[in-house]
Structures are given as C-alpha cells and as structure tokens.
Amino acid sequence: RLSVEARRGYYAPAPLTKAEIDSAEKLERLDHQVLADDQLTDVT
C-alpha cells in the first residue's frame, strides 16, 4: 500500500570558470576582512 515518488536523478554542479573562482576568492577575502581587526592598505 505504499508508492514512491522520486526524481529520476540530478545534475552535478558544473565546473567553475576561472573568473568564477577568482570572484569567489575575492568575496571570501572581503568577508574575512570584515570580521578581522588588522589594518590593510592595498587601496588608499
């Protein structure tokens, strides 16, 4: 008296492009710096 409803499958995420990896790394560095307390002067 039971039945199953399920998807046939799933798509794995596509590989990231170099631009997406670079963008993610920049965002991660930005997030890290918000919570840090050191001074950085890459930009004046």
PDB file of all heavy atoms in Angstrom:
ATOM      1  N   ARG A   1       0.803  -1.225   0.000  1.00  0.00           N
ATOM      2  CA  ARG A   1       0.000   0.000   0.000  1.00  0.00           C
ATOM      3  C   ARG A   1       0.839   1.280   0.000  1.00  0.00           C
ATOM      4  O   ARG A   1       0.372   2.338   0.383  1.00  0.00           O
ATOM      5  CB  ARG A   1      -0.929   0.052   1.201  1.00  0.00           C
ATOM      6  CG  ARG A   1      -2.004  -0.962   1.196  1.00  0.00           C
ATOM      7  CD  ARG A   1      -2.993  -0.611   2.259  1.00  0.00           C
ATOM      8  NE  ARG A   1      -3.832  -1.729   2.601  1.00  0.00           N
ATOM      9  CZ  ARG A   1      -4.671  -1.728   3.591  1.00  0.00           C
ATOM     10  NH1 ARG A   1      -4.765  -0.682   4.362  1.00  0.00           N
ATOM     11  NH2 ARG A   1      -5.420  -2.768   3.836  1.00  0.00           N
ATOM     12  N   LEU A   2       2.054   1.193  -0.397  1.00  0.00           N
ATOM     13  CA  LEU A   2       2.925   2.366  -0.449  1.00  0.00           C
ATOM     14  C   LEU A   2       3.413   2.567  -1.872  1.00  0.00           C
ATOM     15  O   LEU A   2       3.549   1.623  -2.649  1.00  0.00           O
ATOM     16  CB  LEU A   2       4.127   2.200   0.485  1.00  0.00           C
ATOM     17  CG  LEU A   2       3.815   2.012   1.967  1.00  0.00           C
ATOM     18  CD1 LEU A   2       5.081   1.695   2.730  1.00  0.00           C
ATOM     19  CD2 LEU A   2       3.171   3.274   2.521  1.00  0.00           C
ATOM     20  N   SER A   3       3.666   3.800  -2.198  1.00  0.00           N
ATOM     21  CA  SER A   3       4.233   4.083  -3.520  1.00  0.00           C
ATOM     22  C   SER A   3       5.376   5.078  -3.341  1.00  0.00           C
ATOM     23  O   SER A   3       5.491   5.760  -2.323  1.00  0.00           O
ATOM     24  CB  SER A   3       3.168   4.668  -4.449  1.00  0.00           C
ATOM     25  OG  SER A   3       2.725   5.906  -3.955  1.00  0.00           O
ATOM     26  N   VAL A   4       6.210   5.180  -4.347  1.00  0.00           N
ATOM     27  CA  VAL A   4       7.370   6.069  -4.314  1.00  0.00           C
ATOM     28  C   VAL A   4       7.220   7.111  -5.400  1.00  0.00           C
ATOM     29  O   VAL A   4       6.900   6.785  -6.556  1.00  0.00           O
ATOM     30  CB  VAL A   4       8.675   5.269  -4.548  1.00  0.00           C
ATOM     31  CG1 VAL A   4       9.858   6.208  -4.668  1.00  0.00           C
ATOM     32  CG2 VAL A   4       8.897   4.268  -3.438  1.00  0.00           C
ATOM     33  N   GLU A   5       7.418   8.349  -5.023  1.00  0.00           N
ATOM     34  CA  GLU A   5       7.525   9.442  -5.988  1.00  0.00           C
ATOM     35  C   GLU A   5       8.908  10.043  -5.805  1.00  0.00           C
ATOM     36  O   GLU A   5       9.239  10.517  -4.719  1.00  0.00           O
ATOM     37  CB  GLU A   5       6.455  10.511  -5.729  1.00  0.00           C
ATOM     38  CG  GLU A   5       5.058  10.073  -6.066  1.00  0.00           C
ATOM     39  CD  GLU A   5       4.054  11.193  -5.873  1.00  0.00           C
ATOM     40  OE1 GLU A   5       4.410  12.372  -6.063  1.00  0.00           O
ATOM     41  OE2 GLU A   5       2.912  10.872  -5.522  1.00  0.00           O
ATOM     42  N   ALA A   6       9.707   9.986  -6.841  1.00  0.00           N
ATOM     43  CA  ALA A   6      11.077  10.486  -6.734  1.00  0.00           C
ATOM     44  C   ALA A   6      11.548  11.001  -8.093  1.00  0.00           C
ATOM     45  O   ALA A   6      11.044  10.573  -9.139  1.00  0.00           O
ATOM     46  CB  ALA A   6      12.004   9.372  -6.248  1.00  0.00           C
ATOM     47  N   ARG A   7      12.497  11.892  -8.023  1.00  0.00           N
ATOM     48  CA  ARG A   7      13.113  12.362  -9.268  1.00  0.00           C
ATOM     49  C   ARG A   7      13.915  11.221  -9.881  1.00  0.00           C
ATOM     50  O   ARG A   7      14.395  10.338  -9.182  1.00  0.00           O
ATOM     51  CB  ARG A   7      14.053  13.542  -8.986  1.00  0.00           C
ATOM     52  CG  ARG A   7      13.339  14.742  -8.468  1.00  0.00           C
ATOM     53  CD  ARG A   7      14.225  15.959  -8.421  1.00  0.00           C
ATOM     54  NE  ARG A   7      15.398  15.756  -7.568  1.00  0.00           N
ATOM     55  CZ  ARG A   7      16.421  16.572  -7.542  1.00  0.00           C
ATOM     56  NH1 ARG A   7      16.449  17.629  -8.313  1.00  0.00           N
ATOM     57  NH2 ARG A   7      17.440  16.348  -6.748  1.00  0.00           N
ATOM     58  N   ARG A   8      14.071  11.294 -11.176  1.00  0.00           N
ATOM     59  CA  ARG A   8      14.860  10.271 -11.873  1.00  0.00           C
ATOM     60  C   ARG A   8      16.347  10.440 -11.607  1.00  0.00           C
ATOM     61  O   ARG A   8      17.118   9.517 -11.773  1.00  0.00           O
ATOM     62  CB  ARG A   8      14.625  10.357 -13.371  1.00  0.00           C
ATOM     63  CG  ARG A   8      13.239  10.021 -13.821  1.00  0.00           C
ATOM     64  CD  ARG A   8      13.154  10.087 -15.312  1.00  0.00           C
ATOM     65  NE  ARG A   8      14.414  10.626 -15.814  1.00  0.00           N
ATOM     66  CZ  ARG A   8      14.728  10.837 -17.068  1.00  0.00           C
ATOM     67  NH1 ARG A   8      13.869  10.558 -17.996  1.00  0.00           N
ATOM     68  NH2 ARG A   8      15.878  11.329 -17.434  1.00  0.00           N
ATOM     69  N   GLY A   9      16.746  11.631 -11.208  1.00  0.00           N
ATOM     70  CA  GLY A   9      18.161  11.870 -10.981  1.00  0.00           C
ATOM     71  C   GLY A   9      18.415  13.334 -10.687  1.00  0.00           C
ATOM     72  O   GLY A   9      17.498  14.100 -10.426  1.00  0.00           O
ATOM     73  N   TYR A  10      19.685  13.716 -10.769  1.00  0.00           N
ATOM     74  CA  TYR A  10      20.076  15.103 -10.504  1.00  0.00           C
ATOM     75  C   TYR A  10      21.289  15.446 -11.364  1.00  0.00           C
ATOM     76  O   TYR A  10      22.008  14.564 -11.831  1.00  0.00           O
ATOM     77  CB  TYR A  10      20.396  15.316  -9.019  1.00  0.00           C
ATOM     78  CG  TYR A  10      21.647  14.581  -8.577  1.00  0.00           C
ATOM     79  CD1 TYR A  10      22.895  15.218  -8.564  1.00  0.00           C
ATOM     80  CD2 TYR A  10      21.594  13.247  -8.196  1.00  0.00           C
ATOM     81  CE1 TYR A  10      24.022  14.536  -8.185  1.00  0.00           C
ATOM     82  CE2 TYR A  10      22.718  12.564  -7.813  1.00  0.00           C
ATOM     83  CZ  TYR A  10      23.945  13.209  -7.799  1.00  0.00           C
ATOM     84  OH  TYR A  10      25.064  12.537  -7.435  1.00  0.00           O
ATOM     85  N   TYR A  11      21.482  16.721 -11.560  1.00  0.00           N
ATOM     86  CA  TYR A  11      22.664  17.213 -12.263  1.00  0.00           C
ATOM     87  C   TYR A  11      23.695  17.669 -11.242  1.00  0.00           C
ATOM     88  O   TYR A  11      23.369  18.424 -10.313  1.00  0.00           O
ATOM     89  CB  TYR A  11      22.317  18.392 -13.180  1.00  0.00           C
ATOM     90  CG  TYR A  11      21.591  17.970 -14.428  1.00  0.00           C
ATOM     91  CD1 TYR A  11      20.209  18.034 -14.498  1.00  0.00           C
ATOM     92  CD2 TYR A  11      22.290  17.500 -15.535  1.00  0.00           C
ATOM     93  CE1 TYR A  11      19.536  17.648 -15.642  1.00  0.00           C
ATOM     94  CE2 TYR A  11      21.635  17.108 -16.679  1.00  0.00           C
ATOM     95  CZ  TYR A  11      20.255  17.183 -16.732  1.00  0.00           C
ATOM     96  OH  TYR A  11      19.593  16.796 -17.860  1.00  0.00           O
ATOM     97  N   ALA A  12      24.908  17.218 -11.400  1.00  0.00           N
ATOM     98  CA  ALA A  12      26.005  17.694 -10.559  1.00  0.00           C
ATOM     99  C   ALA A  12      26.284  19.146 -10.926  1.00  0.00           C
ATOM    100  O   ALA A  12      25.991  19.575 -12.054  1.00  0.00           O
ATOM    101  CB  ALA A  12      27.250  16.835 -10.775  1.00  0.00           C
ATOM    102  N   PRO A  13      26.840  19.913 -10.002  1.00  0.00           N
ATOM    103  CA  PRO A  13      27.171  21.299 -10.362  1.00  0.00           C
ATOM    104  C   PRO A  13      28.195  21.321 -11.492  1.00  0.00           C
ATOM    105  O   PRO A  13      29.034  20.426 -11.608  1.00  0.00           O
ATOM    106  CB  PRO A  13      27.746  21.894  -9.083  1.00  0.00           C
ATOM    107  CG  PRO A  13      27.969  20.762  -8.147  1.00  0.00           C
ATOM    108  CD  PRO A  13      27.209  19.580  -8.648  1.00  0.00           C
ATOM    109  N   ALA A  14      28.093  22.337 -12.317  1.00  0.00           N
ATOM    110  CA  ALA A  14      29.057  22.494 -13.408  1.00  0.00           C
ATOM    111  C   ALA A  14      30.380  23.000 -12.837  1.00  0.00           C
ATOM    112  O   ALA A  14      30.400  23.656 -11.790  1.00  0.00           O
ATOM    113  CB  ALA A  14      28.517  23.484 -14.435  1.00  0.00           C
ATOM    114  N   PRO A  15      31.474  22.694 -13.495  1.00  0.00           N
ATOM    115  CA  PRO A  15      32.759  23.196 -13.001  1.00  0.00           C
ATOM    116  C   PRO A  15      32.791  24.727 -13.060  1.00  0.00           C
ATOM    117  O   PRO A  15      32.195  25.342 -13.948  1.00  0.00           O
ATOM    118  CB  PRO A  15      33.787  22.579 -13.953  1.00  0.00           C
ATOM    119  CG  PRO A  15      33.022  22.107 -15.133  1.00  0.00           C
ATOM    120  CD  PRO A  15      31.600  21.919 -14.704  1.00  0.00           C
ATOM    121  N   LEU A  16      33.463  25.328 -12.083  1.00  0.00           N
ATOM    122  CA  LEU A  16      33.574  26.785 -12.051  1.00  0.00           C
ATOM    123  C   LEU A  16      34.597  27.267 -13.071  1.00  0.00           C
ATOM    124  O   LEU A  16      35.624  26.617 -13.287  1.00  0.00           O
ATOM    125  CB  LEU A  16      34.001  27.251 -10.651  1.00  0.00           C
ATOM    126  CG  LEU A  16      33.026  26.966  -9.518  1.00  0.00           C
ATOM    127  CD1 LEU A  16      33.643  27.376  -8.188  1.00  0.00           C
ATOM    128  CD2 LEU A  16      31.716  27.676  -9.742  1.00  0.00           C
ATOM    129  N   THR A  17      34.300  28.398 -13.666  1.00  0.00           N
ATOM    130  CA  THR A  17      35.267  29.019 -14.567  1.00  0.00           C
ATOM    131  C   THR A  17      36.326  29.723 -13.735  1.00  0.00           C
ATOM    132  O   THR A  17      36.136  29.978 -12.540  1.00  0.00           O
ATOM    133  CB  THR A  17      34.583  30.043 -15.482  1.00  0.00           C
ATOM    134  OG1 THR A  17      34.098  31.121 -14.675  1.00  0.00           O
ATOM    135  CG2 THR A  17      33.428  29.420 -16.262  1.00  0.00           C
ATOM    136  N   LYS A  18      37.428  30.084 -14.355  1.00  0.00           N
ATOM    137  CA  LYS A  18      38.482  30.812 -13.649  1.00  0.00           C
ATOM    138  C   LYS A  18      37.947  32.123 -13.103  1.00  0.00           C
ATOM    139  O   LYS A  18      38.246  32.510 -11.968  1.00  0.00           O
ATOM    140  CB  LYS A  18      39.674  31.067 -14.561  1.00  0.00           C
ATOM    141  CG  LYS A  18      40.751  31.880 -13.852  1.00  0.00           C
ATOM    142  CD  LYS A  18      42.089  31.763 -14.492  1.00  0.00           C
ATOM    143  CE  LYS A  18      43.163  32.604 -13.875  1.00  0.00           C
ATOM    144  NZ  LYS A  18      43.035  33.049 -12.526  1.00  0.00           N
ATOM    145  N   ALA A  19      37.101  32.814 -13.872  1.00  0.00           N
ATOM    146  CA  ALA A  19      36.532  34.082 -13.409  1.00  0.00           C
ATOM    147  C   ALA A  19      35.649  33.859 -12.180  1.00  0.00           C
ATOM    148  O   ALA A  19      35.676  34.657 -11.243  1.00  0.00           O
ATOM    149  CB  ALA A  19      35.730  34.738 -14.531  1.00  0.00           C
ATOM    150  N   GLU A  20      34.869  32.761 -12.161  1.00  0.00           N
ATOM    151  CA  GLU A  20      34.021  32.473 -11.003  1.00  0.00           C
ATOM    152  C   GLU A  20      34.858  32.123  -9.779  1.00  0.00           C
ATOM    153  O   GLU A  20      34.541  32.530  -8.666  1.00  0.00           O
ATOM    154  CB  GLU A  20      33.055  31.323 -11.319  1.00  0.00           C
ATOM    155  CG  GLU A  20      31.973  31.702 -12.301  1.00  0.00           C
ATOM    156  CD  GLU A  20      31.187  30.505 -12.793  1.00  0.00           C
ATOM    157  OE1 GLU A  20      31.749  29.400 -12.910  1.00  0.00           O
ATOM    158  OE2 GLU A  20      29.990  30.688 -13.071  1.00  0.00           O
ATOM    159  N   ILE A  21      35.947  31.380  -9.980  1.00  0.00           N
ATOM    160  CA  ILE A  21      36.840  31.039  -8.876  1.00  0.00           C
ATOM    161  C   ILE A  21      37.490  32.304  -8.333  1.00  0.00           C
ATOM    162  O   ILE A  21      37.535  32.520  -7.117  1.00  0.00           O
ATOM    163  CB  ILE A  21      37.902  30.012  -9.327  1.00  0.00           C
ATOM    164  CG1 ILE A  21      37.234  28.665  -9.612  1.00  0.00           C
ATOM    165  CG2 ILE A  21      38.999  29.862  -8.274  1.00  0.00           C
ATOM    166  CD1 ILE A  21      38.126  27.660 -10.304  1.00  0.00           C
ATOM    167  N   ASP A  22      37.995  33.163  -9.227  1.00  0.00           N
ATOM    168  CA  ASP A  22      38.616  34.423  -8.805  1.00  0.00           C
ATOM    169  C   ASP A  22      37.627  35.288  -8.045  1.00  0.00           C
ATOM    170  O   ASP A  22      37.944  35.863  -7.005  1.00  0.00           O
ATOM    171  CB  ASP A  22      39.157  35.198 -10.012  1.00  0.00           C
ATOM    172  CG  ASP A  22      40.378  34.542 -10.644  1.00  0.00           C
ATOM    173  OD1 ASP A  22      40.969  33.640 -10.007  1.00  0.00           O
ATOM    174  OD2 ASP A  22      40.742  34.940 -11.762  1.00  0.00           O
ATOM    175  N   SER A  23      36.395  35.372  -8.553  1.00  0.00           N
ATOM    176  CA  SER A  23      35.368  36.173  -7.897  1.00  0.00           C
ATOM    177  C   SER A  23      35.039  35.618  -6.513  1.00  0.00           C
ATOM    178  O   SER A  23      34.900  36.370  -5.549  1.00  0.00           O
ATOM    179  CB  SER A  23      34.117  36.212  -8.769  1.00  0.00           C
ATOM    180  OG  SER A  23      33.111  36.968  -8.156  1.00  0.00           O
ATOM    181  N   ALA A  24      34.930  34.305  -6.395  1.00  0.00           N
ATOM    182  CA  ALA A  24      34.636  33.675  -5.107  1.00  0.00           C
ATOM    183  C   ALA A  24      35.773  33.911  -4.118  1.00  0.00           C
ATOM    184  O   ALA A  24      35.530  34.171  -2.933  1.00  0.00           O
ATOM    185  CB  ALA A  24      34.387  32.180  -5.296  1.00  0.00           C
ATOM    186  N   GLU A  25      37.015  33.839  -4.593  1.00  0.00           N
ATOM    187  CA  GLU A  25      38.163  34.078  -3.715  1.00  0.00           C
ATOM    188  C   GLU A  25      38.181  35.531  -3.229  1.00  0.00           C
ATOM    189  O   GLU A  25      38.472  35.802  -2.062  1.00  0.00           O
ATOM    190  CB  GLU A  25      39.467  33.739  -4.436  1.00  0.00           C
ATOM    191  CG  GLU A  25      39.669  32.246  -4.610  1.00  0.00           C
ATOM    192  CD  GLU A  25      40.864  31.889  -5.484  1.00  0.00           C
ATOM    193  OE1 GLU A  25      41.494  32.804  -6.077  1.00  0.00           O
ATOM    194  OE2 GLU A  25      41.170  30.688  -5.585  1.00  0.00           O
ATOM    195  N   LYS A  26      37.859  36.470  -4.115  1.00  0.00           N
ATOM    196  CA  LYS A  26      37.812  37.886  -3.721  1.00  0.00           C
ATOM    197  C   LYS A  26      36.719  38.115  -2.686  1.00  0.00           C
ATOM    198  O   LYS A  26      36.915  38.833  -1.706  1.00  0.00           O
ATOM    199  CB  LYS A  26      37.580  38.778  -4.941  1.00  0.00           C
ATOM    200  CG  LYS A  26      38.764  38.854  -5.876  1.00  0.00           C
ATOM    201  CD  LYS A  26      38.409  39.655  -7.116  1.00  0.00           C
ATOM    202  CE  LYS A  26      39.449  39.510  -8.188  1.00  0.00           C
ATOM    203  NZ  LYS A  26      39.030  40.138  -9.446  1.00  0.00           N
ATOM    204  N   LEU A  27      35.564  37.499  -2.891  1.00  0.00           N
ATOM    205  CA  LEU A  27      34.454  37.644  -1.951  1.00  0.00           C
ATOM    206  C   LEU A  27      34.816  37.033  -0.595  1.00  0.00           C
ATOM    207  O   LEU A  27      34.518  37.605   0.454  1.00  0.00           O
ATOM    208  CB  LEU A  27      33.196  36.995  -2.511  1.00  0.00           C
ATOM    209  CG  LEU A  27      31.938  37.126  -1.677  1.00  0.00           C
ATOM    210  CD1 LEU A  27      31.574  38.590  -1.449  1.00  0.00           C
ATOM    211  CD2 LEU A  27      30.789  36.402  -2.339  1.00  0.00           C
ATOM    212  N   GLU A  28      35.477  35.884  -0.610  1.00  0.00           N
ATOM    213  CA  GLU A  28      35.895  35.241   0.629  1.00  0.00           C
ATOM    214  C   GLU A  28      36.894  36.121   1.383  1.00  0.00           C
ATOM    215  O   GLU A  28      36.806  36.274   2.603  1.00  0.00           O
ATOM    216  CB  GLU A  28      36.522  33.880   0.321  1.00  0.00           C
ATOM    217  CG  GLU A  28      36.895  33.090   1.558  1.00  0.00           C
ATOM    218  CD  GLU A  28      37.450  31.712   1.212  1.00  0.00           C
ATOM    219  OE1 GLU A  28      36.938  31.077   0.282  1.00  0.00           O
ATOM    220  OE2 GLU A  28      38.401  31.298   1.887  1.00  0.00           O
ATOM    221  N   ARG A  29      37.826  36.728   0.668  1.00  0.00           N
ATOM    222  CA  ARG A  29      38.805  37.625   1.301  1.00  0.00           C
ATOM    223  C   ARG A  29      38.095  38.842   1.899  1.00  0.00           C
ATOM    224  O   ARG A  29      38.413  39.273   3.001  1.00  0.00           O
ATOM    225  CB  ARG A  29      39.852  38.064   0.281  1.00  0.00           C
ATOM    226  CG  ARG A  29      40.937  38.920   0.889  1.00  0.00           C
ATOM    227  CD  ARG A  29      42.109  39.131  -0.062  1.00  0.00           C
ATOM    228  NE  ARG A  29      43.117  39.918   0.606  1.00  0.00           N
ATOM    229  CZ  ARG A  29      43.612  41.037   0.138  1.00  0.00           C
ATOM    230  NH1 ARG A  29      43.226  41.499  -1.032  1.00  0.00           N
ATOM    231  NH2 ARG A  29      44.522  41.708   0.808  1.00  0.00           N
ATOM    232  N   LEU A  30      37.111  39.378   1.162  1.00  0.00           N
ATOM    233  CA  LEU A  30      36.339  40.515   1.652  1.00  0.00           C
ATOM    234  C   LEU A  30      35.593  40.138   2.932  1.00  0.00           C
ATOM    235  O   LEU A  30      35.657  40.854   3.938  1.00  0.00           O
ATOM    236  CB  LEU A  30      35.363  40.989   0.578  1.00  0.00           C
ATOM    237  CG  LEU A  30      34.455  42.158   0.924  1.00  0.00           C
ATOM    238  CD1 LEU A  30      35.265  43.422   1.163  1.00  0.00           C
ATOM    239  CD2 LEU A  30      33.447  42.381  -0.201  1.00  0.00           C
ATOM    240  N   ASP A  31      34.896  39.013   2.927  1.00  0.00           N
ATOM    241  CA  ASP A  31      34.172  38.556   4.113  1.00  0.00           C
ATOM    242  C   ASP A  31      35.106  38.373   5.306  1.00  0.00           C
ATOM    243  O   ASP A  31      34.782  38.751   6.431  1.00  0.00           O
ATOM    244  CB  ASP A  31      33.442  37.233   3.836  1.00  0.00           C
ATOM    245  CG  ASP A  31      32.218  37.404   2.963  1.00  0.00           C
ATOM    246  OD1 ASP A  31      31.749  38.546   2.812  1.00  0.00           O
ATOM    247  OD2 ASP A  31      31.739  36.392   2.427  1.00  0.00           O
ATOM    248  N   HIS A  32      36.259  37.785   5.061  1.00  0.00           N
ATOM    249  CA  HIS A  32      37.242  37.569   6.119  1.00  0.00           C
ATOM    250  C   HIS A  32      37.684  38.903   6.723  1.00  0.00           C
ATOM    251  O   HIS A  32      37.791  39.036   7.949  1.00  0.00           O
ATOM    252  CB  HIS A  32      38.447  36.798   5.583  1.00  0.00           C
ATOM    253  CG  HIS A  32      39.585  36.727   6.551  1.00  0.00           C
ATOM    254  ND1 HIS A  32      39.584  35.880   7.632  1.00  0.00           N
ATOM    255  CD2 HIS A  32      40.738  37.433   6.618  1.00  0.00           C
ATOM    256  CE1 HIS A  32      40.702  36.053   8.318  1.00  0.00           C
ATOM    257  NE2 HIS A  32      41.416  36.986   7.729  1.00  0.00           N
ATOM    258  N   GLN A  33      37.933  39.885   5.881  1.00  0.00           N
ATOM    259  CA  GLN A  33      38.428  41.171   6.367  1.00  0.00           C
ATOM    260  C   GLN A  33      37.396  41.934   7.186  1.00  0.00           C
ATOM    261  O   GLN A  33      37.757  42.705   8.070  1.00  0.00           O
ATOM    262  CB  GLN A  33      38.930  42.026   5.210  1.00  0.00           C
ATOM    263  CG  GLN A  33      40.317  41.671   4.771  1.00  0.00           C
ATOM    264  CD  GLN A  33      41.310  41.715   5.927  1.00  0.00           C
ATOM    265  OE1 GLN A  33      41.329  42.640   6.721  1.00  0.00           O
ATOM    266  NE2 GLN A  33      42.138  40.685   6.019  1.00  0.00           N
ATOM    267  N   VAL A  34      36.125  41.736   6.918  1.00  0.00           N
ATOM    268  CA  VAL A  34      35.099  42.426   7.705  1.00  0.00           C
ATOM    269  C   VAL A  34      35.184  41.985   9.161  1.00  0.00           C
ATOM    270  O   VAL A  34      35.051  42.799  10.073  1.00  0.00           O
ATOM    271  CB  VAL A  34      33.689  42.163   7.134  1.00  0.00           C
ATOM    272  CG1 VAL A  34      32.611  42.682   8.069  1.00  0.00           C
ATOM    273  CG2 VAL A  34      33.552  42.813   5.765  1.00  0.00           C
ATOM    274  N   LEU A  35      35.444  40.719   9.415  1.00  0.00           N
ATOM    275  CA  LEU A  35      35.486  40.197  10.772  1.00  0.00           C
ATOM    276  C   LEU A  35      36.858  40.281  11.419  1.00  0.00           C
ATOM    277  O   LEU A  35      36.990  40.064  12.622  1.00  0.00           O
ATOM    278  CB  LEU A  35      34.991  38.747  10.785  1.00  0.00           C
ATOM    279  CG  LEU A  35      33.547  38.561  10.323  1.00  0.00           C
ATOM    280  CD1 LEU A  35      33.194  37.090  10.255  1.00  0.00           C
ATOM    281  CD2 LEU A  35      32.578  39.325  11.208  1.00  0.00           C
ATOM    282  N   ALA A  36      37.879  40.622  10.650  1.00  0.00           N
ATOM    283  CA  ALA A  36      39.238  40.736  11.188  1.00  0.00           C
ATOM    284  C   ALA A  36      39.391  42.074  11.911  1.00  0.00           C
ATOM    285  O   ALA A  36      38.475  42.891  11.946  1.00  0.00           O
ATOM    286  CB  ALA A  36      40.251  40.611  10.049  1.00  0.00           C
ATOM    287  N   ASP A  37      40.571  42.311  12.470  1.00  0.00           N
ATOM    288  CA  ASP A  37      40.804  43.606  13.092  1.00  0.00           C
ATOM    289  C   ASP A  37      42.135  44.229  12.675  1.00  0.00           C
ATOM    290  O   ASP A  37      42.542  45.241  13.226  1.00  0.00           O
ATOM    291  CB  ASP A  37      40.699  43.516  14.618  1.00  0.00           C
ATOM    292  CG  ASP A  37      41.728  42.576  15.217  1.00  0.00           C
ATOM    293  OD1 ASP A  37      42.556  42.028  14.485  1.00  0.00           O
ATOM    294  OD2 ASP A  37      41.698  42.392  16.450  1.00  0.00           O
ATOM    295  N   ASP A  38      42.803  43.619  11.698  1.00  0.00           N
ATOM    296  CA  ASP A  38      44.061  44.185  11.232  1.00  0.00           C
ATOM    297  C   ASP A  38      43.817  45.293  10.208  1.00  0.00           C
ATOM    298  O   ASP A  38      42.726  45.426   9.675  1.00  0.00           O
ATOM    299  CB  ASP A  38      44.966  43.097  10.648  1.00  0.00           C
ATOM    300  CG  ASP A  38      44.327  42.365   9.476  1.00  0.00           C
ATOM    301  OD1 ASP A  38      43.080  42.283   9.432  1.00  0.00           O
ATOM    302  OD2 ASP A  38      45.055  41.877   8.593  1.00  0.00           O
ATOM    303  N   GLN A  39      44.830  46.091   9.966  1.00  0.00           N
ATOM    304  CA  GLN A  39      44.745  47.180   9.006  1.00  0.00           C
ATOM    305  C   GLN A  39      45.323  46.691   7.675  1.00  0.00           C
ATOM    306  O   GLN A  39      46.342  46.015   7.657  1.00  0.00           O
ATOM    307  CB  GLN A  39      45.558  48.381   9.490  1.00  0.00           C
ATOM    308  CG  GLN A  39      45.153  48.905  10.856  1.00  0.00           C
ATOM    309  CD  GLN A  39      44.047  49.915  10.783  1.00  0.00           C
ATOM    310  OE1 GLN A  39      42.943  49.631  11.186  1.00  0.00           O
ATOM    311  NE2 GLN A  39      44.331  51.068  10.278  1.00  0.00           N
ATOM    312  N   LEU A  40      44.685  47.032   6.578  1.00  0.00           N
ATOM    313  CA  LEU A  40      45.195  46.739   5.238  1.00  0.00           C
ATOM    314  C   LEU A  40      45.182  48.024   4.436  1.00  0.00           C
ATOM    315  O   LEU A  40      44.248  48.827   4.554  1.00  0.00           O
ATOM    316  CB  LEU A  40      44.323  45.713   4.519  1.00  0.00           C
ATOM    317  CG  LEU A  40      44.501  44.254   4.878  1.00  0.00           C
ATOM    318  CD1 LEU A  40      43.551  43.395   4.056  1.00  0.00           C
ATOM    319  CD2 LEU A  40      45.914  43.789   4.669  1.00  0.00           C
ATOM    320  N   THR A  41      46.171  48.194   3.590  1.00  0.00           N
ATOM    321  CA  THR A  41      46.249  49.430   2.808  1.00  0.00           C
ATOM    322  C   THR A  41      46.536  49.153   1.335  1.00  0.00           C
ATOM    323  O   THR A  41      47.257  49.901   0.690  1.00  0.00           O
ATOM    324  CB  THR A  41      47.339  50.355   3.386  1.00  0.00           C
ATOM    325  OG1 THR A  41      48.591  49.631   3.407  1.00  0.00           O
ATOM    326  CG2 THR A  41      47.005  50.810   4.792  1.00  0.00           C
ATOM    327  N   ASP A  42      45.955  48.075   0.796  1.00  0.00           N
ATOM    328  CA  ASP A  42      46.097  47.802  -0.643  1.00  0.00           C
ATOM    329  C   ASP A  42      45.460  48.931  -1.459  1.00  0.00           C
ATOM    330  O   ASP A  42      45.895  49.227  -2.560  1.00  0.00           O
ATOM    331  CB  ASP A  42      45.409  46.494  -1.028  1.00  0.00           C
ATOM    332  CG  ASP A  42      46.047  45.275  -0.384  1.00  0.00           C
ATOM    333  OD1 ASP A  42      47.169  45.382   0.127  1.00  0.00           O
ATOM    334  OD2 ASP A  42      45.402  44.207  -0.395  1.00  0.00           O
ATOM    335  N   VAL A  43      44.394  49.508  -0.922  1.00  0.00           N
ATOM    336  CA  VAL A  43      43.713  50.665  -1.509  1.00  0.00           C
ATOM    337  C   VAL A  43      43.898  51.797  -0.511  1.00  0.00           C
ATOM    338  O   VAL A  43      43.760  51.595   0.696  1.00  0.00           O
ATOM    339  CB  VAL A  43      42.202  50.385  -1.714  1.00  0.00           C
ATOM    340  CG1 VAL A  43      41.466  51.624  -2.180  1.00  0.00           C
ATOM    341  CG2 VAL A  43      41.996  49.241  -2.692  1.00  0.00           C
ATOM    342  N   THR A  44      44.215  52.990  -1.008  1.00  0.00           N
ATOM    343  CA  THR A  44      44.403  54.126  -0.111  1.00  0.00           C
ATOM    344  C   THR A  44      43.042  54.713   0.242  1.00  0.00           C
ATOM    345  O   THR A  44      42.334  55.224  -0.626  1.00  0.00           O
ATOM    346  CB  THR A  44      45.303  55.199  -0.760  1.00  0.00           C
ATOM    347  OG1 THR A  44      46.538  54.585  -1.146  1.00  0.00           O
ATOM    348  CG2 THR A  44      45.582  56.329   0.204  1.00  0.00           C
TER     349      THR A  44
END
